[in-house]
Amino acid sequence: MSLARCLVLIRYNFRLLADDLASLLSMLFFPFIMMFFLQPAGRVLLQSSGYRDASGAEQVVPGMVVLFVFLGMSFTGSLFFQEHSWRTWDRLRASVARPLEIIIGKCTPPFVLTLVQVIILFGAGFLIFGMQTFPSLPLLGLMMLALCFCQTGLAMAWIALSRSFSQFLILSNLLGMLFCGLGGSLVPPEALPGWAAFLAPASPAYWALRGFRTLLLDGGDLFSYLQALLVLLGIGSAALLLAALRFRFADVKEVTI
């Protein structure tokens, strides 16, 4: 594998994402607006759950971060399906770049941009929305990386399973909303109906929010944090394995999106 070729592909795909700057900015603007409106409800929910000093941001900020991270899988998908739409995928395959270099070149830019999005939104949570706790930054950073890794793995799995960008969007958005609804992005887990609380641990969003909640609300219990971190890494790894088994560079993807 050539690092130089990887860097060339990464720069190329960063430029492709930059061409859709409005969509990138919307992934910061919309969660920020939703946090602003949902914070009072988050405060009531947390204080009624026993967190008397909570500002509401401790629920709303991680919830919106996780929701928009999973909805952001479309950026990874677009980088693959655009090549088929433009009929440049075969040219890319015929280049000197190896398959793994192409995958790294496609996945790295959305991973980096998603991580930046998460950092900015958490920063807004502390500086603007008044989150009351200041967790260990290294532990918070590891959870952010695990969340972005999990999202990238799932995006690659959906890409491998989809024949067109339309299928990919339906699959990624539907499952993303389902994951986040069950995981507690909108309300704390204890406020979910009984059947949803039972299914919640099947959602990667549940484990991401559990990790953030442990750091922000529950005193940083190391066992609970590590459990959430390892589950996220495990889901991401399993999704990447599925993608590796199913993804074929010669697959014909529908160009209509």
C-alpha atoms as a PDB file:
ATOM      1  CA  MET A   1       0.000   0.000   0.000  1.00  0.00           C
ATOM      2  CA  SER A   2       1.316   3.428  -0.961  1.00  0.00           C
ATOM      3  CA  LEU A   3       0.866   6.289   1.503  1.00  0.00           C
ATOM      4  CA  ALA A   4       1.395   8.774  -1.317  1.00  0.00           C
ATOM      5  CA  ARG A   5      -1.460   7.306  -3.367  1.00  0.00           C
ATOM      6  CA  CYS A   6      -3.691   7.285  -0.287  1.00  0.00           C
ATOM      7  CA  LEU A   7      -2.991  10.969   0.323  1.00  0.00           C
ATOM      8  CA  VAL A   8      -3.754  11.833  -3.309  1.00  0.00           C
ATOM      9  CA  LEU A   9      -7.099  10.015  -3.090  1.00  0.00           C
ATOM     10  CA  ILE A  10      -7.892  11.606   0.276  1.00  0.00           C
ATOM     11  CA  ARG A  11      -7.275  15.097  -1.118  1.00  0.00           C
ATOM     12  CA  TYR A  12      -9.396  14.299  -4.175  1.00  0.00           C
ATOM     13  CA  ASN A  13     -12.317  13.129  -2.027  1.00  0.00           C
ATOM     14  CA  PHE A  14     -12.012  16.109   0.308  1.00  0.00           C
ATOM     15  CA  ARG A  15     -12.487  18.301  -2.767  1.00  0.00           C
ATOM     16  CA  LEU A  16     -15.583  16.305  -3.765  1.00  0.00           C
ATOM     17  CA  LEU A  17     -17.105  16.834  -0.323  1.00  0.00           C
ATOM     18  CA  ALA A  18     -16.180  20.525  -0.362  1.00  0.00           C
ATOM     19  CA  ASP A  19     -18.239  20.941  -3.543  1.00  0.00           C
ATOM     20  CA  ASP A  20     -21.314  20.231  -1.394  1.00  0.00           C
ATOM     21  CA  LEU A  21     -20.479  22.835   1.247  1.00  0.00           C
ATOM     22  CA  ALA A  22     -24.122  23.658   1.947  1.00  0.00           C
ATOM     23  CA  SER A  23     -24.850  20.080   3.021  1.00  0.00           C
ATOM     24  CA  LEU A  24     -21.761  20.021   5.219  1.00  0.00           C
ATOM     25  CA  LEU A  25     -22.775  23.232   6.958  1.00  0.00           C
ATOM     26  CA  SER A  26     -26.309  21.934   7.446  1.00  0.00           C
ATOM     27  CA  MET A  27     -24.902  19.109   9.566  1.00  0.00           C
ATOM     28  CA  LEU A  28     -23.763  21.787  12.015  1.00  0.00           C
ATOM     29  CA  PHE A  29     -26.653  24.219  11.634  1.00  0.00           C
ATOM     30  CA  PHE A  30     -29.572  21.806  12.099  1.00  0.00           C
ATOM     31  CA  PRO A  31     -28.325  20.045  15.261  1.00  0.00           C
ATOM     32  CA  PHE A  32     -27.435  23.436  16.754  1.00  0.00           C
ATOM     33  CA  ILE A  33     -30.982  24.712  16.151  1.00  0.00           C
ATOM     34  CA  MET A  34     -32.505  21.510  17.527  1.00  0.00           C
ATOM     35  CA  MET A  35     -30.342  21.709  20.643  1.00  0.00           C
ATOM     36  CA  PHE A  36     -31.527  25.262  21.219  1.00  0.00           C
ATOM     37  CA  PHE A  37     -35.205  24.263  21.110  1.00  0.00           C
ATOM     38  CA  LEU A  38     -34.896  20.905  22.883  1.00  0.00           C
ATOM     39  CA  GLN A  39     -32.707  21.982  25.806  1.00  0.00           C
ATOM     40  CA  PRO A  40     -35.636  23.073  28.071  1.00  0.00           C
ATOM     41  CA  ALA A  41     -37.335  19.701  27.583  1.00  0.00           C
ATOM     42  CA  GLY A  42     -34.029  17.954  28.222  1.00  0.00           C
ATOM     43  CA  ARG A  43     -33.642  19.867  31.484  1.00  0.00           C
ATOM     44  CA  VAL A  44     -37.091  18.766  32.668  1.00  0.00           C
ATOM     45  CA  LEU A  45     -36.469  15.136  31.706  1.00  0.00           C
ATOM     46  CA  LEU A  46     -33.085  14.955  33.418  1.00  0.00           C
ATOM     47  CA  GLN A  47     -34.162  16.768  36.564  1.00  0.00           C
ATOM     48  CA  SER A  48     -37.208  14.511  36.862  1.00  0.00           C
ATOM     49  CA  SER A  49     -34.809  11.544  36.555  1.00  0.00           C
ATOM     50  CA  GLY A  50     -32.825  12.726  39.577  1.00  0.00           C
ATOM     51  CA  TYR A  51     -30.153  14.908  37.972  1.00  0.00           C
ATOM     52  CA  ARG A  52     -31.101  18.059  39.859  1.00  0.00           C
ATOM     53  CA  ASP A  53     -28.229  20.222  38.589  1.00  0.00           C
ATOM     54  CA  ALA A  54     -28.530  19.241  34.930  1.00  0.00           C
ATOM     55  CA  SER A  55     -28.957  22.018  32.395  1.00  0.00           C
ATOM     56  CA  GLY A  56     -30.574  19.732  29.808  1.00  0.00           C
ATOM     57  CA  ALA A  57     -27.598  20.005  27.490  1.00  0.00           C
ATOM     58  CA  GLU A  58     -26.193  16.776  28.975  1.00  0.00           C
ATOM     59  CA  GLN A  59     -29.045  14.933  27.235  1.00  0.00           C
ATOM     60  CA  VAL A  60     -29.664  17.106  24.200  1.00  0.00           C
ATOM     61  CA  VAL A  61     -26.103  17.667  22.985  1.00  0.00           C
ATOM     62  CA  PRO A  62     -25.007  13.983  22.887  1.00  0.00           C
ATOM     63  CA  GLY A  63     -28.429  13.058  21.523  1.00  0.00           C
ATOM     64  CA  MET A  64     -28.183  15.448  18.579  1.00  0.00           C
ATOM     65  CA  VAL A  65     -24.535  14.564  18.010  1.00  0.00           C
ATOM     66  CA  VAL A  66     -25.331  10.854  17.724  1.00  0.00           C
ATOM     67  CA  LEU A  67     -28.439  11.468  15.601  1.00  0.00           C
ATOM     68  CA  PHE A  68     -26.645  13.604  13.029  1.00  0.00           C
ATOM     69  CA  VAL A  69     -23.558  11.393  12.996  1.00  0.00           C
ATOM     70  CA  PHE A  70     -25.685   8.458  11.850  1.00  0.00           C
ATOM     71  CA  LEU A  71     -27.654  10.606   9.420  1.00  0.00           C
ATOM     72  CA  GLY A  72     -24.281  11.748   8.046  1.00  0.00           C
ATOM     73  CA  MET A  73     -23.560   8.324   6.550  1.00  0.00           C
ATOM     74  CA  SER A  74     -24.869   9.760   3.285  1.00  0.00           C
ATOM     75  CA  PHE A  75     -21.575  11.636   2.782  1.00  0.00           C
ATOM     76  CA  THR A  76     -19.604   8.385   2.678  1.00  0.00           C
ATOM     77  CA  GLY A  77     -22.152   6.847   0.348  1.00  0.00           C
ATOM     78  CA  SER A  78     -22.129   9.804  -2.013  1.00  0.00           C
ATOM     79  CA  LEU A  79     -18.368   9.492  -2.582  1.00  0.00           C
ATOM     80  CA  PHE A  80     -18.818   5.936  -3.887  1.00  0.00           C
ATOM     81  CA  PHE A  81     -22.051   6.322  -5.836  1.00  0.00           C
ATOM     82  CA  GLN A  82     -20.946   9.574  -7.481  1.00  0.00           C
ATOM     83  CA  GLU A  83     -18.180   7.659  -9.242  1.00  0.00           C
ATOM     84  CA  HIS A  84     -20.774   5.309 -10.739  1.00  0.00           C
ATOM     85  CA  SER A  85     -23.047   8.218 -11.644  1.00  0.00           C
ATOM     86  CA  TRP A  86     -20.173   9.971 -13.425  1.00  0.00           C
ATOM     87  CA  ARG A  87     -19.018   6.657 -14.974  1.00  0.00           C
ATOM     88  CA  THR A  88     -15.550   7.124 -13.493  1.00  0.00           C
ATOM     89  CA  TRP A  89     -15.587   4.074 -11.192  1.00  0.00           C
ATOM     90  CA  ASP A  90     -14.062   1.758 -13.820  1.00  0.00           C
ATOM     91  CA  ARG A  91     -11.387   4.364 -14.544  1.00  0.00           C
ATOM     92  CA  LEU A  92     -10.578   4.520 -10.833  1.00  0.00           C
ATOM     93  CA  ARG A  93     -10.384   0.726 -10.673  1.00  0.00           C
ATOM     94  CA  ALA A  94      -8.056   0.690 -13.684  1.00  0.00           C
ATOM     95  CA  SER A  95      -5.676   3.191 -12.103  1.00  0.00           C
ATOM     96  CA  VAL A  96      -2.552   2.227 -10.188  1.00  0.00           C
ATOM     97  CA  ALA A  97      -4.430   2.646  -6.904  1.00  0.00           C
ATOM     98  CA  ARG A  98      -5.072  -0.603  -5.060  1.00  0.00           C
ATOM     99  CA  PRO A  99      -8.557  -1.457  -3.741  1.00  0.00           C
ATOM    100  CA  LEU A 100      -7.583  -0.791  -0.109  1.00  0.00           C
ATOM    101  CA  GLU A 101      -6.120   2.593  -1.089  1.00  0.00           C
ATOM    102  CA  ILE A 102      -9.370   3.528  -2.833  1.00  0.00           C
ATOM    103  CA  ILE A 103     -11.386   2.536   0.249  1.00  0.00           C
ATOM    104  CA  ILE A 104      -9.098   4.540   2.549  1.00  0.00           C
ATOM    105  CA  GLY A 105      -9.256   7.518   0.200  1.00  0.00           C
ATOM    106  CA  LYS A 106     -13.059   7.412   0.171  1.00  0.00           C
ATOM    107  CA  CYS A 107     -13.613   6.793   3.898  1.00  0.00           C
ATOM    108  CA  THR A 108     -11.055   9.119   5.476  1.00  0.00           C
ATOM    109  CA  PRO A 109     -12.536  12.527   4.474  1.00  0.00           C
ATOM    110  CA  PRO A 110     -16.082  11.858   5.781  1.00  0.00           C
ATOM    111  CA  PHE A 111     -14.599  10.269   8.922  1.00  0.00           C
ATOM    112  CA  VAL A 112     -12.493  13.376   9.588  1.00  0.00           C
ATOM    113  CA  LEU A 113     -15.348  15.778   8.834  1.00  0.00           C
ATOM    114  CA  THR A 114     -17.714  13.804  11.089  1.00  0.00           C
ATOM    115  CA  LEU A 115     -15.164  13.928  13.901  1.00  0.00           C
ATOM    116  CA  VAL A 116     -14.802  17.691  13.448  1.00  0.00           C
ATOM    117  CA  GLN A 117     -18.597  18.018  13.532  1.00  0.00           C
ATOM    118  CA  VAL A 118     -18.751  16.081  16.824  1.00  0.00           C
ATOM    119  CA  ILE A 119     -15.987  18.191  18.390  1.00  0.00           C
ATOM    120  CA  ILE A 120     -17.662  21.464  17.367  1.00  0.00           C
ATOM    121  CA  LEU A 121     -21.082  20.396  18.675  1.00  0.00           C
ATOM    122  CA  PHE A 122     -19.667  19.245  22.007  1.00  0.00           C
ATOM    123  CA  GLY A 123     -17.709  22.474  22.219  1.00  0.00           C
ATOM    124  CA  ALA A 124     -20.958  24.377  21.693  1.00  0.00           C
ATOM    125  CA  GLY A 125     -22.510  22.253  24.425  1.00  0.00           C
ATOM    126  CA  PHE A 126     -19.927  23.431  26.953  1.00  0.00           C
ATOM    127  CA  LEU A 127     -19.521  27.025  25.790  1.00  0.00           C
ATOM    128  CA  ILE A 128     -23.050  27.930  24.699  1.00  0.00           C
ATOM    129  CA  PHE A 129     -25.537  25.475  26.155  1.00  0.00           C
ATOM    130  CA  GLY A 130     -24.015  25.235  29.618  1.00  0.00           C
ATOM    131  CA  MET A 131     -23.256  21.570  30.144  1.00  0.00           C
ATOM    132  CA  GLN A 132     -22.509  21.332  33.854  1.00  0.00           C
ATOM    133  CA  THR A 133     -19.832  18.628  33.864  1.00  0.00           C
ATOM    134  CA  PHE A 134     -16.336  18.655  32.376  1.00  0.00           C
ATOM    135  CA  PRO A 135     -15.314  15.043  31.729  1.00  0.00           C
ATOM    136  CA  SER A 136     -11.863  13.684  31.020  1.00  0.00           C
ATOM    137  CA  LEU A 137     -11.017  14.980  27.552  1.00  0.00           C
ATOM    138  CA  PRO A 138      -9.037  11.858  26.557  1.00  0.00           C
ATOM    139  CA  LEU A 139     -11.986   9.611  27.487  1.00  0.00           C
ATOM    140  CA  LEU A 140     -14.404  11.920  25.688  1.00  0.00           C
ATOM    141  CA  GLY A 141     -12.129  11.940  22.635  1.00  0.00           C
ATOM    142  CA  LEU A 142     -11.925   8.129  22.558  1.00  0.00           C
ATOM    143  CA  MET A 143     -15.718   7.882  22.639  1.00  0.00           C
ATOM    144  CA  MET A 144     -15.950  10.367  19.776  1.00  0.00           C
ATOM    145  CA  LEU A 145     -13.484   8.312  17.724  1.00  0.00           C
ATOM    146  CA  ALA A 146     -15.350   5.083  18.489  1.00  0.00           C
ATOM    147  CA  LEU A 147     -18.644   6.671  17.393  1.00  0.00           C
ATOM    148  CA  CYS A 148     -17.138   7.883  14.097  1.00  0.00           C
ATOM    149  CA  PHE A 149     -15.485   4.506  13.499  1.00  0.00           C
ATOM    150  CA  CYS A 150     -18.797   2.721  14.076  1.00  0.00           C
ATOM    151  CA  GLN A 151     -20.575   5.078  11.694  1.00  0.00           C
ATOM    152  CA  THR A 152     -17.939   4.530   8.992  1.00  0.00           C
ATOM    153  CA  GLY A 153     -18.198   0.747   9.345  1.00  0.00           C
ATOM    154  CA  LEU A 154     -21.984   0.822   9.055  1.00  0.00           C
ATOM    155  CA  ALA A 155     -21.815   3.187   6.066  1.00  0.00           C
ATOM    156  CA  MET A 156     -19.482   0.783   4.267  1.00  0.00           C
ATOM    157  CA  ALA A 157     -21.796  -2.130   5.042  1.00  0.00           C
ATOM    158  CA  TRP A 158     -24.812  -0.254   3.630  1.00  0.00           C
ATOM    159  CA  ILE A 159     -22.787   0.707   0.530  1.00  0.00           C
ATOM    160  CA  ALA A 160     -21.858  -2.926  -0.034  1.00  0.00           C
ATOM    161  CA  LEU A 161     -25.484  -4.048   0.314  1.00  0.00           C
ATOM    162  CA  SER A 162     -27.046  -1.319  -1.866  1.00  0.00           C
ATOM    163  CA  ARG A 163     -27.435  -1.385  -5.618  1.00  0.00           C
ATOM    164  CA  SER A 164     -28.149   2.341  -5.948  1.00  0.00           C
ATOM    165  CA  PHE A 165     -27.769   5.557  -3.995  1.00  0.00           C
ATOM    166  CA  SER A 166     -31.533   5.618  -3.470  1.00  0.00           C
ATOM    167  CA  GLN A 167     -31.384   2.232  -1.758  1.00  0.00           C
ATOM    168  CA  PHE A 168     -28.427   3.381   0.294  1.00  0.00           C
ATOM    169  CA  LEU A 169     -30.192   6.551   1.451  1.00  0.00           C
ATOM    170  CA  ILE A 170     -33.349   4.669   2.409  1.00  0.00           C
ATOM    171  CA  LEU A 171     -31.376   2.023   4.298  1.00  0.00           C
ATOM    172  CA  SER A 172     -28.987   4.411   6.045  1.00  0.00           C
ATOM    173  CA  ASN A 173     -31.591   7.044   6.972  1.00  0.00           C
ATOM    174  CA  LEU A 174     -34.213   4.538   8.096  1.00  0.00           C
ATOM    175  CA  LEU A 175     -31.806   2.529  10.223  1.00  0.00           C
ATOM    176  CA  GLY A 176     -30.094   5.688  11.459  1.00  0.00           C
ATOM    177  CA  MET A 177     -33.392   7.096  12.718  1.00  0.00           C
ATOM    178  CA  LEU A 178     -34.368   3.720  14.183  1.00  0.00           C
ATOM    179  CA  PHE A 179     -31.010   3.368  15.941  1.00  0.00           C
ATOM    180  CA  CYS A 180     -31.224   6.852  17.410  1.00  0.00           C
ATOM    181  CA  GLY A 181     -34.877   6.604  18.392  1.00  0.00           C
ATOM    182  CA  LEU A 182     -34.253   3.362  20.263  1.00  0.00           C
ATOM    183  CA  GLY A 183     -30.911   4.552  21.576  1.00  0.00           C
ATOM    184  CA  GLY A 184     -32.307   7.592  23.376  1.00  0.00           C
ATOM    185  CA  SER A 185     -31.224  10.486  21.189  1.00  0.00           C
ATOM    186  CA  LEU A 186     -34.468  12.366  21.778  1.00  0.00           C
ATOM    187  CA  VAL A 187     -35.353  11.275  25.325  1.00  0.00           C
ATOM    188  CA  PRO A 188     -33.363   9.530  28.086  1.00  0.00           C
ATOM    189  CA  PRO A 189     -33.537   5.712  27.976  1.00  0.00           C
ATOM    190  CA  GLU A 190     -35.666   5.539  31.125  1.00  0.00           C
ATOM    191  CA  ALA A 191     -38.363   7.620  29.402  1.00  0.00           C
ATOM    192  CA  LEU A 192     -38.744   5.166  26.493  1.00  0.00           C
ATOM    193  CA  PRO A 193     -41.671   2.708  26.321  1.00  0.00           C
ATOM    194  CA  GLY A 194     -40.955  -0.729  27.753  1.00  0.00           C
ATOM    195  CA  TRP A 195     -40.614  -2.461  24.381  1.00  0.00           C
ATOM    196  CA  ALA A 196     -38.200   0.239  23.142  1.00  0.00           C
ATOM    197  CA  ALA A 197     -36.092   0.020  26.301  1.00  0.00           C
ATOM    198  CA  PHE A 198     -35.881  -3.750  25.756  1.00  0.00           C
ATOM    199  CA  LEU A 199     -34.658  -3.324  22.158  1.00  0.00           C
ATOM    200  CA  ALA A 200     -32.394  -0.348  22.867  1.00  0.00           C
ATOM    201  CA  PRO A 201     -29.162  -2.324  23.522  1.00  0.00           C
ATOM    202  CA  ALA A 202     -29.335  -3.601  19.929  1.00  0.00           C
ATOM    203  CA  SER A 203     -28.722  -0.027  18.737  1.00  0.00           C
ATOM    204  CA  PRO A 204     -25.200   1.391  18.376  1.00  0.00           C
ATOM    205  CA  ALA A 205     -26.669   4.790  19.281  1.00  0.00           C
ATOM    206  CA  TYR A 206     -27.633   3.377  22.678  1.00  0.00           C
ATOM    207  CA  TRP A 207     -24.020   2.490  23.439  1.00  0.00           C
ATOM    208  CA  ALA A 208     -22.680   5.796  22.163  1.00  0.00           C
ATOM    209  CA  LEU A 209     -25.147   7.702  24.333  1.00  0.00           C
ATOM    210  CA  ARG A 210     -24.444   5.420  27.277  1.00  0.00           C
ATOM    211  CA  GLY A 211     -20.747   6.229  26.984  1.00  0.00           C
ATOM    212  CA  PHE A 212     -21.358   9.972  26.781  1.00  0.00           C
ATOM    213  CA  ARG A 213     -23.930   9.808  29.565  1.00  0.00           C
ATOM    214  CA  THR A 214     -21.455   7.980  31.796  1.00  0.00           C
ATOM    215  CA  LEU A 215     -18.945  10.781  31.321  1.00  0.00           C
ATOM    216  CA  LEU A 216     -21.403  13.663  31.607  1.00  0.00           C
ATOM    217  CA  LEU A 217     -23.937  12.493  34.174  1.00  0.00           C
ATOM    218  CA  ASP A 218     -22.967   9.300  35.970  1.00  0.00           C
ATOM    219  CA  GLY A 219     -19.611  10.163  37.470  1.00  0.00           C
ATOM    220  CA  GLY A 220     -17.426   8.564  34.832  1.00  0.00           C
ATOM    221  CA  ASP A 221     -17.920   4.916  35.864  1.00  0.00           C
ATOM    222  CA  LEU A 222     -15.002   3.246  34.086  1.00  0.00           C
ATOM    223  CA  PHE A 223     -16.624  -0.176  33.613  1.00  0.00           C
ATOM    224  CA  SER A 224     -19.766   1.263  32.000  1.00  0.00           C
ATOM    225  CA  TYR A 225     -17.639   3.560  29.827  1.00  0.00           C
ATOM    226  CA  LEU A 226     -15.353   0.745  28.631  1.00  0.00           C
ATOM    227  CA  GLN A 227     -18.319  -1.503  27.923  1.00  0.00           C
ATOM    228  CA  ALA A 228     -19.894   1.163  25.720  1.00  0.00           C
ATOM    229  CA  LEU A 229     -16.574   1.884  23.990  1.00  0.00           C
ATOM    230  CA  LEU A 230     -15.881  -1.782  23.229  1.00  0.00           C
ATOM    231  CA  VAL A 231     -19.403  -2.428  21.947  1.00  0.00           C
ATOM    232  CA  LEU A 232     -19.134   0.509  19.538  1.00  0.00           C
ATOM    233  CA  LEU A 233     -15.764  -0.714  18.291  1.00  0.00           C
ATOM    234  CA  GLY A 234     -17.167  -4.235  17.962  1.00  0.00           C
ATOM    235  CA  ILE A 235     -20.182  -3.094  15.936  1.00  0.00           C
ATOM    236  CA  GLY A 236     -17.961  -1.014  13.665  1.00  0.00           C
ATOM    237  CA  SER A 237     -15.542  -3.918  13.164  1.00  0.00           C
ATOM    238  CA  ALA A 238     -18.368  -6.377  12.430  1.00  0.00           C
ATOM    239  CA  ALA A 239     -19.855  -3.950   9.903  1.00  0.00           C
ATOM    240  CA  LEU A 240     -16.485  -3.531   8.189  1.00  0.00           C
ATOM    241  CA  LEU A 241     -16.109  -7.309   8.048  1.00  0.00           C
ATOM    242  CA  LEU A 242     -19.534  -7.582   6.409  1.00  0.00           C
ATOM    243  CA  ALA A 243     -18.526  -4.877   3.944  1.00  0.00           C
ATOM    244  CA  ALA A 244     -15.280  -6.695   3.152  1.00  0.00           C
ATOM    245  CA  LEU A 245     -17.163  -9.952   2.501  1.00  0.00           C
ATOM    246  CA  ARG A 246     -19.900  -8.362   0.395  1.00  0.00           C
ATOM    247  CA  PHE A 247     -18.227  -5.435  -1.398  1.00  0.00           C
ATOM    248  CA  ARG A 248     -17.111  -6.165  -4.949  1.00  0.00           C
ATOM    249  CA  PHE A 249     -15.265  -3.564  -6.996  1.00  0.00           C
ATOM    250  CA  ALA A 250     -16.764  -5.032 -10.161  1.00  0.00           C
ATOM    251  CA  ASP A 251     -20.343  -4.634  -8.897  1.00  0.00           C
ATOM    252  CA  VAL A 252     -22.502  -2.501 -11.171  1.00  0.00           C
ATOM    253  CA  LYS A 253     -24.297   0.214  -9.216  1.00  0.00           C
ATOM    254  CA  GLU A 254     -27.297   1.972 -10.680  1.00  0.00           C
ATOM    255  CA  VAL A 255     -26.356   5.461 -11.795  1.00  0.00           C
ATOM    256  CA  THR A 256     -29.769   6.958 -11.039  1.00  0.00           C
ATOM    257  CA  ILE A 257     -29.831   8.523  -7.565  1.00  0.00           C
END
